[in-house]
Every structure is written in C-alpha cells, then in structure tokens.
PDB file of N, CA and C in Angstrom:
ATOM      1  N   MET A   1       0.731  -1.407  -0.232  1.00  0.00           N
ATOM      2  CA  MET A   1      -0.070  -0.230   0.471  1.00  0.00           C
ATOM      3  C   MET A   1       0.796   1.628  -0.327  1.00  0.00           C
ATOM      4  N   VAL A   2       0.899   2.155  -0.826  1.00  0.00           N
ATOM      5  CA  VAL A   2       1.516   3.332  -1.238  1.00  0.00           C
ATOM      6  C   VAL A   2       1.298   4.265  -0.043  1.00  0.00           C
ATOM      7  N   GLY A   3       0.420   4.585   0.394  1.00  0.00           N
ATOM      8  CA  GLY A   3       0.029   5.063   1.871  1.00  0.00           C
ATOM      9  C   GLY A   3       0.898   5.143   2.949  1.00  0.00           C
ATOM     10  N   ALA A   4       1.632   3.378   3.004  1.00  0.00           N
ATOM     11  CA  ALA A   4       2.083   3.222   4.654  1.00  0.00           C
ATOM     12  C   ALA A   4       3.758   3.458   4.041  1.00  0.00           C
ATOM     13  N   VAL A   5       3.965   3.781   2.971  1.00  0.00           N
ATOM     14  CA  VAL A   5       5.574   3.940   2.490  1.00  0.00           C
ATOM     15  C   VAL A   5       6.115   5.559   2.642  1.00  0.00           C
ATOM     16  N   PRO A   6       7.025   5.618   3.717  1.00  0.00           N
ATOM     17  CA  PRO A   6       7.316   7.171   3.280  1.00  0.00           C
ATOM     18  C   PRO A   6       7.738   7.478   1.514  1.00  0.00           C
ATOM     19  N   ALA A   7       7.068   9.122   1.593  1.00  0.00           N
ATOM     20  CA  ALA A   7       7.523   9.322   0.742  1.00  0.00           C
ATOM     21  C   ALA A   7       8.794  10.589   0.125  1.00  0.00           C
ATOM     22  N   ASP A   8       9.491  10.288  -0.442  1.00  0.00           N
ATOM     23  CA  ASP A   8      11.043  11.577  -0.252  1.00  0.00           C
ATOM     24  C   ASP A   8      10.185  12.970  -1.189  1.00  0.00           C
ATOM     25  N   THR A   9       9.741  13.850  -0.917  1.00  0.00           N
ATOM     26  CA  THR A   9       9.294  15.044  -1.269  1.00  0.00           C
ATOM     27  C   THR A   9       9.756  16.231  -1.390  1.00  0.00           C
ATOM     28  N   PHE A  10       9.352  16.878  -2.497  1.00  0.00           N
ATOM     29  CA  PHE A  10      10.025  17.912  -3.186  1.00  0.00           C
ATOM     30  C   PHE A  10       9.628  19.553  -3.727  1.00  0.00           C
ATOM     31  N   GLU A  11       9.752  20.077  -4.108  1.00  0.00           N
ATOM     32  CA  GLU A  11       8.706  21.350  -4.141  1.00  0.00           C
ATOM     33  C   GLU A  11       7.948  21.211  -5.653  1.00  0.00           C
ATOM     34  N   TRP A  12       8.058  20.107  -6.187  1.00  0.00           N
ATOM     35  CA  TRP A  12       7.225  19.830  -7.559  1.00  0.00           C
ATOM     36  C   TRP A  12       6.313  18.567  -7.071  1.00  0.00           C
ATOM     37  N   GLY A  13       6.584  17.734  -6.061  1.00  0.00           N
ATOM     38  CA  GLY A  13       5.716  16.305  -5.692  1.00  0.00           C
ATOM     39  C   GLY A  13       6.771  15.641  -4.648  1.00  0.00           C
ATOM     40  N   SER A  14       6.353  14.384  -4.797  1.00  0.00           N
ATOM     41  CA  SER A  14       6.685  13.221  -4.235  1.00  0.00           C
ATOM     42  C   SER A  14       7.083  12.067  -5.172  1.00  0.00           C
ATOM     43  N   ILE A  15       7.931  10.947  -4.414  1.00  0.00           N
ATOM     44  CA  ILE A  15       8.177   9.957  -5.016  1.00  0.00           C
ATOM     45  C   ILE A  15       8.324   8.786  -3.784  1.00  0.00           C
ATOM     46  N   ALA A  16       7.467   7.674  -3.796  1.00  0.00           N
ATOM     47  CA  ALA A  16       7.436   6.206  -2.636  1.00  0.00           C
ATOM     48  C   ALA A  16       8.167   5.425  -3.466  1.00  0.00           C
ATOM     49  N   TRP A  17       9.069   5.282  -3.120  1.00  0.00           N
ATOM     50  CA  TRP A  17       9.771   4.221  -3.829  1.00  0.00           C
ATOM     51  C   TRP A  17       9.099   2.635  -3.079  1.00  0.00           C
ATOM     52  N   LEU A  18       8.993   1.887  -3.518  1.00  0.00           N
ATOM     53  CA  LEU A  18       8.107   0.428  -3.566  1.00  0.00           C
ATOM     54  C   LEU A  18       8.827  -0.839  -3.406  1.00  0.00           C
ATOM     55  N   VAL A  19       9.805  -1.128  -4.532  1.00  0.00           N
ATOM     56  CA  VAL A  19      10.776  -1.879  -4.668  1.00  0.00           C
ATOM     57  C   VAL A  19      12.180  -1.151  -5.362  1.00  0.00           C
ATOM     58  N   SER A  20      13.122  -1.525  -4.617  1.00  0.00           N
ATOM     59  CA  SER A  20      14.548  -1.500  -5.035  1.00  0.00           C
ATOM     60  C   SER A  20      15.692  -1.809  -4.457  1.00  0.00           C
ATOM     61  N   GLU A  21      16.842  -1.846  -5.083  1.00  0.00           N
ATOM     62  CA  GLU A  21      17.990  -2.807  -4.197  1.00  0.00           C
ATOM     63  C   GLU A  21      18.209  -2.425  -2.785  1.00  0.00           C
ATOM     64  N   ALA A  22      17.764  -1.058  -2.232  1.00  0.00           N
ATOM     65  CA  ALA A  22      18.182  -0.643  -1.084  1.00  0.00           C
ATOM     66  C   ALA A  22      16.741  -1.031  -0.110  1.00  0.00           C
ATOM     67  N   LEU A  23      15.846  -1.126  -0.528  1.00  0.00           N
ATOM     68  CA  LEU A  23      14.310  -1.978   0.247  1.00  0.00           C
ATOM     69  C   LEU A  23      14.690  -3.562   0.592  1.00  0.00           C
ATOM     70  N   ILE A  24      15.019  -3.832  -0.994  1.00  0.00           N
ATOM     71  CA  ILE A  24      14.951  -5.866  -1.222  1.00  0.00           C
ATOM     72  C   ILE A  24      15.855  -5.936  -1.300  1.00  0.00           C
ATOM     73  N   PRO A  25      16.634  -6.194  -0.608  1.00  0.00           N
ATOM     74  CA  PRO A  25      18.819  -6.622  -1.014  1.00  0.00           C
ATOM     75  C   PRO A  25      18.056  -7.810  -2.533  1.00  0.00           C
ATOM     76  N   GLY A  26      19.204  -7.258  -3.760  1.00  0.00           N
ATOM     77  CA  GLY A  26      19.095  -8.901  -4.662  1.00  0.00           C
ATOM     78  C   GLY A  26      17.981  -8.120  -5.679  1.00  0.00           C
ATOM     79  N   ALA A  27      16.907  -7.051  -5.387  1.00  0.00           N
ATOM     80  CA  ALA A  27      16.079  -6.924  -6.286  1.00  0.00           C
ATOM     81  C   ALA A  27      16.674  -6.449  -7.699  1.00  0.00           C
ATOM     82  N   ASP A  28      16.405  -6.654  -8.811  1.00  0.00           N
ATOM     83  CA  ASP A  28      16.569  -6.318 -10.012  1.00  0.00           C
ATOM     84  C   ASP A  28      16.049  -5.172 -11.243  1.00  0.00           C
ATOM     85  N   LEU A  29      15.176  -4.528  -9.871  1.00  0.00           N
ATOM     86  CA  LEU A  29      14.518  -3.289 -10.516  1.00  0.00           C
ATOM     87  C   LEU A  29      14.111  -2.450  -9.350  1.00  0.00           C
ATOM     88  N   THR A  30      13.703  -1.130 -10.152  1.00  0.00           N
ATOM     89  CA  THR A  30      13.462  -0.107  -9.037  1.00  0.00           C
ATOM     90  C   THR A  30      11.644   0.372  -9.877  1.00  0.00           C
ATOM     91  N   PHE A  31      10.901   0.316  -8.360  1.00  0.00           N
ATOM     92  CA  PHE A  31       9.017   0.731  -8.987  1.00  0.00           C
ATOM     93  C   PHE A  31       9.004   1.805  -7.764  1.00  0.00           C
ATOM     94  N   GLY A  32       8.287   2.458  -8.347  1.00  0.00           N
ATOM     95  CA  GLY A  32       7.897   3.257  -7.291  1.00  0.00           C
ATOM     96  C   GLY A  32       6.323   4.540  -8.318  1.00  0.00           C
ATOM     97  N   TYR A  33       5.531   5.268  -6.867  1.00  0.00           N
ATOM     98  CA  TYR A  33       4.712   5.906  -7.275  1.00  0.00           C
ATOM     99  C   TYR A  33       4.909   7.415  -7.139  1.00  0.00           C
ATOM    100  N   VAL A  34       4.701   8.034  -7.956  1.00  0.00           N
ATOM    101  CA  VAL A  34       4.972   9.321  -8.453  1.00  0.00           C
ATOM    102  C   VAL A  34       3.727  10.583  -8.223  1.00  0.00           C
ATOM    103  N   GLU A  35       3.748  11.691  -7.450  1.00  0.00           N
ATOM    104  CA  GLU A  35       2.866  12.757  -7.621  1.00  0.00           C
ATOM    105  C   GLU A  35       3.542  13.843  -8.013  1.00  0.00           C
ATOM    106  N   ILE A  36       2.777  14.638  -8.762  1.00  0.00           N
ATOM    107  CA  ILE A  36       3.560  15.904  -9.486  1.00  0.00           C
ATOM    108  C   ILE A  36       2.557  16.912  -9.131  1.00  0.00           C
ATOM    109  N   ALA A  37       2.690  18.048  -8.185  1.00  0.00           N
ATOM    110  CA  ALA A  37       1.686  18.741  -8.078  1.00  0.00           C
ATOM    111  C   ALA A  37       1.324  19.750  -9.450  1.00  0.00           C
ATOM    112  N   PRO A  38       0.060  20.349  -9.287  1.00  0.00           N
ATOM    113  CA  PRO A  38      -0.689  21.316 -10.211  1.00  0.00           C
ATOM    114  C   PRO A  38       0.758  22.102 -11.049  1.00  0.00           C
ATOM    115  N   GLY A  39       0.739  21.942 -11.676  1.00  0.00           N
ATOM    116  CA  GLY A  39       1.632  23.021 -12.978  1.00  0.00           C
ATOM    117  C   GLY A  39       3.776  22.721 -11.925  1.00  0.00           C
ATOM    118  N   GLY A  40       3.284  21.790 -11.772  1.00  0.00           N
ATOM    119  CA  GLY A  40       5.130  21.291 -11.165  1.00  0.00           C
ATOM    120  C   GLY A  40       5.843  20.323 -11.974  1.00  0.00           C
ATOM    121  N   ARG A  41       7.244  20.685 -11.793  1.00  0.00           N
ATOM    122  CA  ARG A  41       7.903  19.729 -12.909  1.00  0.00           C
ATOM    123  C   ARG A  41       8.902  19.252 -12.159  1.00  0.00           C
ATOM    124  N   ASN A  42       9.186  18.371 -12.417  1.00  0.00           N
ATOM    125  CA  ASN A  42      10.681  17.831 -12.029  1.00  0.00           C
ATOM    126  C   ASN A  42      11.970  18.324 -13.028  1.00  0.00           C
ATOM    127  N   PRO A  43      13.113  18.410 -12.019  1.00  0.00           N
ATOM    128  CA  PRO A  43      13.790  18.953 -12.919  1.00  0.00           C
ATOM    129  C   PRO A  43      14.494  17.767 -14.069  1.00  0.00           C
ATOM    130  N   ARG A  44      15.236  18.591 -15.299  1.00  0.00           N
ATOM    131  CA  ARG A  44      15.776  17.499 -16.368  1.00  0.00           C
ATOM    132  C   ARG A  44      16.499  16.826 -15.648  1.00  0.00           C
ATOM    133  N   HIS A  45      16.782  15.410 -15.892  1.00  0.00           N
ATOM    134  CA  HIS A  45      17.619  14.434 -15.496  1.00  0.00           C
ATOM    135  C   HIS A  45      18.047  13.434 -16.788  1.00  0.00           C
ATOM    136  N   LEU A  46      18.770  12.460 -16.350  1.00  0.00           N
ATOM    137  CA  LEU A  46      18.961  11.554 -16.981  1.00  0.00           C
ATOM    138  C   LEU A  46      19.162  10.500 -16.002  1.00  0.00           C
ATOM    139  N   HIS A  47      18.986   9.104 -16.440  1.00  0.00           N
ATOM    140  CA  HIS A  47      19.418   8.097 -15.996  1.00  0.00           C
ATOM    141  C   HIS A  47      20.551   7.167 -16.306  1.00  0.00           C
ATOM    142  N   PRO A  48      21.601   7.151 -16.131  1.00  0.00           N
ATOM    143  CA  PRO A  48      22.654   6.635 -17.038  1.00  0.00           C
ATOM    144  C   PRO A  48      22.639   5.025 -17.152  1.00  0.00           C
ATOM    145  N   ASN A  49      22.304   4.801 -15.772  1.00  0.00           N
ATOM    146  CA  ASN A  49      21.987   3.142 -15.937  1.00  0.00           C
ATOM    147  C   ASN A  49      20.936   2.051 -16.117  1.00  0.00           C
ATOM    148  N   CYS A  50      20.394   2.624 -16.662  1.00  0.00           N
ATOM    149  CA  CYS A  50      18.992   1.736 -16.782  1.00  0.00           C
ATOM    150  C   CYS A  50      17.616   2.689 -17.732  1.00  0.00           C
ATOM    151  N   ASP A  51      16.854   2.296 -18.175  1.00  0.00           N
ATOM    152  CA  ASP A  51      15.890   2.611 -19.209  1.00  0.00           C
ATOM    153  C   ASP A  51      14.749   3.090 -17.522  1.00  0.00           C
ATOM    154  N   GLU A  52      13.476   3.840 -18.051  1.00  0.00           N
ATOM    155  CA  GLU A  52      12.675   4.001 -17.363  1.00  0.00           C
ATOM    156  C   GLU A  52      10.984   3.680 -18.318  1.00  0.00           C
ATOM    157  N   VAL A  53      10.189   3.212 -17.351  1.00  0.00           N
ATOM    158  CA  VAL A  53       9.014   3.211 -17.802  1.00  0.00           C
ATOM    159  C   VAL A  53       7.891   3.553 -16.982  1.00  0.00           C
ATOM    160  N   LEU A  54       7.317   4.340 -17.432  1.00  0.00           N
ATOM    161  CA  LEU A  54       6.084   4.943 -16.391  1.00  0.00           C
ATOM    162  C   LEU A  54       5.009   5.044 -17.196  1.00  0.00           C
ATOM    163  N   PHE A  55       3.765   4.814 -16.542  1.00  0.00           N
ATOM    164  CA  PHE A  55       2.457   4.669 -16.699  1.00  0.00           C
ATOM    165  C   PHE A  55       1.848   6.062 -15.812  1.00  0.00           C
ATOM    166  N   LEU A  56       1.041   6.391 -16.455  1.00  0.00           N
ATOM    167  CA  LEU A  56       0.092   7.938 -16.076  1.00  0.00           C
ATOM    168  C   LEU A  56      -1.366   7.191 -15.669  1.00  0.00           C
ATOM    169  N   ILE A  57      -1.437   7.172 -14.731  1.00  0.00           N
ATOM    170  CA  ILE A  57      -2.672   6.771 -13.530  1.00  0.00           C
ATOM    171  C   ILE A  57      -3.445   8.317 -13.823  1.00  0.00           C
ATOM    172  N   GLU A  58      -3.302   9.241 -13.357  1.00  0.00           N
ATOM    173  CA  GLU A  58      -4.335  10.195 -13.379  1.00  0.00           C
ATOM    174  C   GLU A  58      -3.520  12.000 -13.900  1.00  0.00           C
ATOM    175  N   GLY A  59      -3.985  12.291 -14.862  1.00  0.00           N
ATOM    176  CA  GLY A  59      -3.677  13.621 -14.864  1.00  0.00           C
ATOM    177  C   GLY A  59      -3.444  13.873 -16.629  1.00  0.00           C
ATOM    178  N   LEU A  60      -2.693  15.360 -16.731  1.00  0.00           N
ATOM    179  CA  LEU A  60      -1.908  15.624 -17.530  1.00  0.00           C
ATOM    180  C   LEU A  60      -0.549  15.859 -17.757  1.00  0.00           C
ATOM    181  N   VAL A  61       0.315  15.575 -18.492  1.00  0.00           N
ATOM    182  CA  VAL A  61       1.698  15.974 -18.508  1.00  0.00           C
ATOM    183  C   VAL A  61       2.030  15.962 -19.583  1.00  0.00           C
ATOM    184  N   ASP A  62       3.162  17.081 -19.564  1.00  0.00           N
ATOM    185  CA  ASP A  62       4.051  17.079 -21.304  1.00  0.00           C
ATOM    186  C   ASP A  62       5.159  16.420 -20.429  1.00  0.00           C
ATOM    187  N   HIS A  63       5.914  15.517 -21.072  1.00  0.00           N
ATOM    188  CA  HIS A  63       7.045  14.603 -20.751  1.00  0.00           C
ATOM    189  C   HIS A  63       7.908  14.958 -22.067  1.00  0.00           C
ATOM    190  N   GLU A  64       9.089  15.985 -21.797  1.00  0.00           N
ATOM    191  CA  GLU A  64      10.145  16.370 -22.554  1.00  0.00           C
ATOM    192  C   GLU A  64      10.902  14.773 -22.669  1.00  0.00           C
ATOM    193  N   VAL A  65      11.278  14.193 -23.750  1.00  0.00           N
ATOM    194  CA  VAL A  65      12.509  13.141 -23.900  1.00  0.00           C
ATOM    195  C   VAL A  65      13.404  13.639 -24.865  1.00  0.00           C
ATOM    196  N   ASP A  66      14.772  13.664 -24.894  1.00  0.00           N
ATOM    197  CA  ASP A  66      15.613  13.906 -25.967  1.00  0.00           C
ATOM    198  C   ASP A  66      15.118  15.093 -26.726  1.00  0.00           C
ATOM    199  N   GLY A  67      14.380  16.562 -26.184  1.00  0.00           N
ATOM    200  CA  GLY A  67      14.404  17.376 -26.720  1.00  0.00           C
ATOM    201  C   GLY A  67      13.066  17.100 -27.223  1.00  0.00           C
ATOM    202  N   ARG A  68      12.231  16.308 -27.693  1.00  0.00           N
ATOM    203  CA  ARG A  68      10.754  16.066 -28.094  1.00  0.00           C
ATOM    204  C   ARG A  68       9.679  16.003 -26.859  1.00  0.00           C
ATOM    205  N   VAL A  69       8.495  16.805 -27.130  1.00  0.00           N
ATOM    206  CA  VAL A  69       8.049  17.181 -25.816  1.00  0.00           C
ATOM    207  C   VAL A  69       6.439  15.830 -26.551  1.00  0.00           C
ATOM    208  N   LEU A  70       6.755  14.903 -24.987  1.00  0.00           N
ATOM    209  CA  LEU A  70       5.447  14.036 -25.730  1.00  0.00           C
ATOM    210  C   LEU A  70       3.812  14.322 -24.524  1.00  0.00           C
ATOM    211  N   HIS A  71       2.605  14.391 -25.390  1.00  0.00           N
ATOM    212  CA  HIS A  71       1.419  14.574 -24.425  1.00  0.00           C
ATOM    213  C   HIS A  71       1.145  13.696 -23.753  1.00  0.00           C
ATOM    214  N   LEU A  72       0.911  13.448 -22.456  1.00  0.00           N
ATOM    215  CA  LEU A  72       0.387  12.337 -21.805  1.00  0.00           C
ATOM    216  C   LEU A  72      -0.637  12.527 -21.568  1.00  0.00           C
ATOM    217  N   THR A  73      -1.583  11.498 -21.114  1.00  0.00           N
ATOM    218  CA  THR A  73      -3.221  11.628 -20.956  1.00  0.00           C
ATOM    219  C   THR A  73      -3.220  10.201 -19.739  1.00  0.00           C
ATOM    220  N   THR A  74      -4.245  10.365 -18.704  1.00  0.00           N
ATOM    221  CA  THR A  74      -4.440   9.170 -18.374  1.00  0.00           C
ATOM    222  C   THR A  74      -4.575   8.120 -19.049  1.00  0.00           C
ATOM    223  N   GLY A  75      -3.305   6.894 -18.392  1.00  0.00           N
ATOM    224  CA  GLY A  75      -3.588   5.432 -19.038  1.00  0.00           C
ATOM    225  C   GLY A  75      -2.491   5.354 -20.223  1.00  0.00           C
ATOM    226  N   THR A  76      -1.959   6.588 -20.419  1.00  0.00           N
ATOM    227  CA  THR A  76      -0.321   6.346 -21.320  1.00  0.00           C
ATOM    228  C   THR A  76       0.604   6.277 -20.280  1.00  0.00           C
ATOM    229  N   ALA A  77       1.342   5.235 -21.207  1.00  0.00           N
ATOM    230  CA  ALA A  77       2.471   4.428 -20.800  1.00  0.00           C
ATOM    231  C   ALA A  77       3.647   4.813 -21.551  1.00  0.00           C
ATOM    232  N   LEU A  78       5.046   4.895 -21.030  1.00  0.00           N
ATOM    233  CA  LEU A  78       6.233   5.898 -22.114  1.00  0.00           C
ATOM    234  C   LEU A  78       7.481   5.304 -21.641  1.00  0.00           C
ATOM    235  N   HIS A  79       8.325   4.836 -22.251  1.00  0.00           N
ATOM    236  CA  HIS A  79       9.652   4.396 -22.334  1.00  0.00           C
ATOM    237  C   HIS A  79      10.975   5.201 -22.379  1.00  0.00           C
ATOM    238  N   ILE A  80      11.403   5.438 -21.669  1.00  0.00           N
ATOM    239  CA  ILE A  80      12.529   6.303 -22.011  1.00  0.00           C
ATOM    240  C   ILE A  80      13.429   5.812 -21.448  1.00  0.00           C
ATOM    241  N   PRO A  81      14.787   5.416 -22.842  1.00  0.00           N
ATOM    242  CA  PRO A  81      15.914   4.751 -22.917  1.00  0.00           C
ATOM    243  C   PRO A  81      16.534   5.344 -22.038  1.00  0.00           C
ATOM    244  N   ARG A  82      17.743   4.678 -21.301  1.00  0.00           N
ATOM    245  CA  ARG A  82      18.697   5.003 -20.411  1.00  0.00           C
ATOM    246  C   ARG A  82      19.550   6.372 -21.186  1.00  0.00           C
ATOM    247  N   LYS A  83      19.967   7.166 -20.485  1.00  0.00           N
ATOM    248  CA  LYS A  83      21.002   8.386 -20.788  1.00  0.00           C
ATOM    249  C   LYS A  83      20.541   9.241 -21.624  1.00  0.00           C
ATOM    250  N   SER A  84      18.620   9.264 -21.784  1.00  0.00           N
ATOM    251  CA  SER A  84      17.964  10.179 -22.480  1.00  0.00           C
ATOM    252  C   SER A  84      17.749  10.995 -21.304  1.00  0.00           C
ATOM    253  N   PRO A  85      17.766  12.655 -21.615  1.00  0.00           N
ATOM    254  CA  PRO A  85      17.600  13.767 -20.832  1.00  0.00           C
ATOM    255  C   PRO A  85      15.995  13.822 -21.228  1.00  0.00           C
ATOM    256  N   HIS A  86      15.411  13.698 -19.821  1.00  0.00           N
ATOM    257  CA  HIS A  86      13.617  14.195 -19.793  1.00  0.00           C
ATOM    258  C   HIS A  86      13.727  14.819 -18.747  1.00  0.00           C
ATOM    259  N   GLN A  87      11.901  15.493 -18.767  1.00  0.00           N
ATOM    260  CA  GLN A  87      11.271  16.249 -17.413  1.00  0.00           C
ATOM    261  C   GLN A  87      10.211  16.498 -17.790  1.00  0.00           C
ATOM    262  N   ALA A  88       9.445  16.097 -16.825  1.00  0.00           N
ATOM    263  CA  ALA A  88       7.753  15.713 -16.775  1.00  0.00           C
ATOM    264  C   ALA A  88       7.681  17.409 -16.127  1.00  0.00           C
ATOM    265  N   ARG A  89       6.131  17.671 -16.781  1.00  0.00           N
ATOM    266  CA  ARG A  89       5.552  18.852 -16.212  1.00  0.00           C
ATOM    267  C   ARG A  89       3.922  18.423 -16.449  1.00  0.00           C
ATOM    268  N   ASN A  90       3.562  18.905 -15.379  1.00  0.00           N
ATOM    269  CA  ASN A  90       2.083  18.365 -14.751  1.00  0.00           C
ATOM    270  C   ASN A  90       1.415  19.900 -15.520  1.00  0.00           C
ATOM    271  N   LEU A  91       0.197  19.609 -16.154  1.00  0.00           N
ATOM    272  CA  LEU A  91      -0.233  20.649 -17.156  1.00  0.00           C
ATOM    273  C   LEU A  91      -1.811  21.123 -16.193  1.00  0.00           C
ATOM    274  N   GLY A  92      -2.486  19.846 -15.403  1.00  0.00           N
ATOM    275  CA  GLY A  92      -3.801  19.809 -15.247  1.00  0.00           C
ATOM    276  C   GLY A  92      -3.908  20.897 -14.266  1.00  0.00           C
ATOM    277  N   ARG A  93      -5.096  20.946 -13.350  1.00  0.00           N
ATOM    278  CA  ARG A  93      -5.066  21.615 -12.164  1.00  0.00           C
ATOM    279  C   ARG A  93      -5.193  20.851 -11.096  1.00  0.00           C
ATOM    280  N   TYR A  94      -5.185  19.524 -11.202  1.00  0.00           N
ATOM    281  CA  TYR A  94      -5.013  18.388 -10.047  1.00  0.00           C
ATOM    282  C   TYR A  94      -3.833  17.646 -10.340  1.00  0.00           C
ATOM    283  N   THR A  95      -3.320  17.036  -9.304  1.00  0.00           N
ATOM    284  CA  THR A  95      -2.004  16.643  -8.709  1.00  0.00           C
ATOM    285  C   THR A  95      -2.081  15.296 -10.294  1.00  0.00           C
ATOM    286  N   ALA A  96      -0.934  15.210 -10.549  1.00  0.00           N
ATOM    287  CA  ALA A  96      -0.858  13.646 -11.632  1.00  0.00           C
ATOM    288  C   ALA A  96      -0.421  12.922 -10.813  1.00  0.00           C
ATOM    289  N   ARG A  97      -0.590  11.901 -11.025  1.00  0.00           N
ATOM    290  CA  ARG A  97      -0.398  10.014 -10.396  1.00  0.00           C
ATOM    291  C   ARG A  97       0.270   9.157 -11.466  1.00  0.00           C
ATOM    292  N   MET A  98       1.463   8.930 -11.038  1.00  0.00           N
ATOM    293  CA  MET A  98       1.729   7.703 -12.208  1.00  0.00           C
ATOM    294  C   MET A  98       2.862   6.815 -11.448  1.00  0.00           C
ATOM    295  N   VAL A  99       3.367   5.920 -12.131  1.00  0.00           N
ATOM    296  CA  VAL A  99       4.523   4.439 -11.240  1.00  0.00           C
ATOM    297  C   VAL A  99       5.106   4.571 -12.074  1.00  0.00           C
ATOM    298  N   VAL A 100       6.478   4.260 -11.604  1.00  0.00           N
ATOM    299  CA  VAL A 100       7.903   4.085 -12.580  1.00  0.00           C
ATOM    300  C   VAL A 100       8.270   3.131 -12.111  1.00  0.00           C
ATOM    301  N   ALA A 101       8.895   2.674 -13.402  1.00  0.00           N
ATOM    302  CA  ALA A 101      10.124   1.419 -13.285  1.00  0.00           C
ATOM    303  C   ALA A 101      11.152   1.446 -13.450  1.00  0.00           C
ATOM    304  N   TYR A 102      12.152   1.352 -13.591  1.00  0.00           N
ATOM    305  CA  TYR A 102      13.656   1.320 -13.775  1.00  0.00           C
ATOM    306  C   TYR A 102      14.309  -0.185 -14.011  1.00  0.00           C
ATOM    307  N   SER A 103      14.737  -0.235 -14.805  1.00  0.00           N
ATOM    308  CA  SER A 103      15.826  -1.710 -15.307  1.00  0.00           C
ATOM    309  C   SER A 103      16.879  -1.477 -14.799  1.00  0.00           C
ATOM    310  N   THR A 104      16.680  -1.480 -13.182  1.00  0.00           N
ATOM    311  CA  THR A 104      17.917  -2.109 -12.589  1.00  0.00           C
ATOM    312  C   THR A 104      17.298  -1.693 -11.114  1.00  0.00           C
ATOM    313  N   GLY A 105      18.048  -2.566  -9.832  1.00  0.00           N
ATOM    314  CA  GLY A 105      17.354  -2.122  -8.882  1.00  0.00           C
ATOM    315  C   GLY A 105      18.256  -0.999  -7.938  1.00  0.00           C
ATOM    316  N   ASP A 106      19.116  -0.412  -8.414  1.00  0.00           N
ATOM    317  CA  ASP A 106      19.677   0.562  -7.790  1.00  0.00           C
ATOM    318  C   ASP A 106      20.108   1.502  -8.952  1.00  0.00           C
ATOM    319  N   ARG A 107      18.829   2.642  -9.519  1.00  0.00           N
ATOM    320  CA  ARG A 107      18.430   3.465 -10.370  1.00  0.00           C
ATOM    321  C   ARG A 107      19.881   4.736 -10.009  1.00  0.00           C
ATOM    322  N   GLU A 108      20.329   5.051 -11.014  1.00  0.00           N
ATOM    323  CA  GLU A 108      21.196   6.072 -10.776  1.00  0.00           C
ATOM    324  C   GLU A 108      20.615   7.364 -11.552  1.00  0.00           C
ATOM    325  N   THR A 109      20.901   8.330 -11.201  1.00  0.00           N
ATOM    326  CA  THR A 109      20.016   9.860 -11.718  1.00  0.00           C
ATOM    327  C   THR A 109      21.204  10.844 -11.967  1.00  0.00           C
ATOM    328  N   THR A 110      20.976  11.605 -12.793  1.00  0.00           N
ATOM    329  CA  THR A 110      22.366  12.634 -13.196  1.00  0.00           C
ATOM    330  C   THR A 110      21.271  14.086 -13.534  1.00  0.00           C
ATOM    331  N   LEU A 111      21.699  15.060 -13.018  1.00  0.00           N
ATOM    332  CA  LEU A 111      20.572  16.111 -13.439  1.00  0.00           C
ATOM    333  C   LEU A 111      21.683  17.037 -14.778  1.00  0.00           C
ATOM    334  N   VAL A 112      20.844  17.146 -15.449  1.00  0.00           N
ATOM    335  CA  VAL A 112      21.093  17.788 -16.825  1.00  0.00           C
ATOM    336  C   VAL A 112      20.803  19.162 -16.716  1.00  0.00           C
ATOM    337  N   VAL A 113      22.175  20.021 -16.668  1.00  0.00           N
ATOM    338  CA  VAL A 113      22.090  21.972 -16.838  1.00  0.00           C
ATOM    339  C   VAL A 113      22.406  21.781 -18.141  1.00  0.00           C
ATOM    340  N   ASP A 114      21.426  22.917 -19.137  1.00  0.00           N
ATOM    341  CA  ASP A 114      22.086  23.559 -20.435  1.00  0.00           C
ATOM    342  C   ASP A 114      21.267  24.884 -20.217  1.00  0.00           C
ATOM    343  N   ASP A 115      21.465  25.271 -21.514  1.00  0.00           N
ATOM    344  CA  ASP A 115      21.065  26.582 -21.173  1.00  0.00           C
ATOM    345  C   ASP A 115      19.792  26.366 -22.166  1.00  0.00           C
ATOM    346  N   ARG A 116      18.888  25.551 -22.523  1.00  0.00           N
ATOM    347  CA  ARG A 116      17.449  25.504 -22.583  1.00  0.00           C
ATOM    348  C   ARG A 116      16.550  26.035 -22.067  1.00  0.00           C
ATOM    349  N   LYS A 117      15.385  26.245 -22.707  1.00  0.00           N
ATOM    350  CA  LYS A 117      14.540  27.035 -21.535  1.00  0.00           C
ATOM    351  C   LYS A 117      13.574  25.450 -21.030  1.00  0.00           C
ATOM    352  N   ASP A 118      13.035  26.230 -19.838  1.00  0.00           N
ATOM    353  CA  ASP A 118      12.347  24.531 -19.504  1.00  0.00           C
ATOM    354  C   ASP A 118      11.139  23.811 -20.687  1.00  0.00           C
ATOM    355  N   LEU A 119      10.552  23.384 -19.879  1.00  0.00           N
ATOM    356  CA  LEU A 119       9.415  22.741 -20.724  1.00  0.00           C
ATOM    357  C   LEU A 119       8.482  23.902 -21.555  1.00  0.00           C
ATOM    358  N   PRO A 120       8.145  24.107 -22.492  1.00  0.00           N
ATOM    359  CA  PRO A 120       6.848  25.085 -22.422  1.00  0.00           C
ATOM    360  C   PRO A 120       5.417  25.036 -21.930  1.00  0.00           C
ATOM    361  N   HIS A 121       5.145  26.005 -21.810  1.00  0.00           N
ATOM    362  CA  HIS A 121       3.754  26.089 -21.527  1.00  0.00           C
ATOM    363  C   HIS A 121       2.533  25.511 -22.387  1.00  0.00           C
ATOM    364  N   ARG A 122       1.570  25.476 -22.317  1.00  0.00           N
ATOM    365  CA  ARG A 122       0.470  25.045 -23.260  1.00  0.00           C
ATOM    366  C   ARG A 122      -0.705  26.094 -23.118  1.00  0.00           C
TER     367      ARG A 122
END
C-alpha cells in the first residue's frame, strides 16, 4: 500500500519507492509511485544505468524526452531509454499520479543543466 510507505518530497511533488535494491536486497528493478503537483515539474535529468517506463494513472503531463515534448493523458505509458535527458510537467489543475519502473535495482540519476528553456507552457 502506497500510503504506508514514506515518500521523498520535493517542491514539485513526491516519490514513494516501493521496490529497489536498497529496500529488497537482490532486487533487479526499481519501482515507485510519483505525484506531481499542479503546475509542477521535476528537474531535467537522465538515468545513466537504466531504462525507465512510466504509466500515468491520472492527470495531464507534458514529458520532454531528448528534446521532443510528448503529451501524456491518463492511461498513457512511456519508455525512456537510458541516458536520455527528460523532464515532466503537470499541465492539469489536479495532482498527476504515475508509477515508474527502472531496469535496475540501483537506479542512478544525473541532473542535466543546459541553456535551454524549461518545458513550454501549453
């Protein structure tokens, strides 16, 4: 149950990790539940050691992957290849909810800092 798991909170929302090598020794994947606040966006980042798959449970999210903006609606799944810079923005008036999975139990994240503008507003 997600409510029983402590979440990491950020200005843009939260992540509750449900499966990882840190939580379950020997786990070969990382799985979590993410909420992005209305108007919130996570920082542009990449995962050098794993692919990511996300499934949007509820909400409207623009997700930039490798400079291409994809419009996600409830029920949309997205595959993000390893080392691909990406960033999500909640376009809706309500919290966006999704689950994320990574192809390793020890997910690494690298912030991407560059000159580009953040995701455009719709």
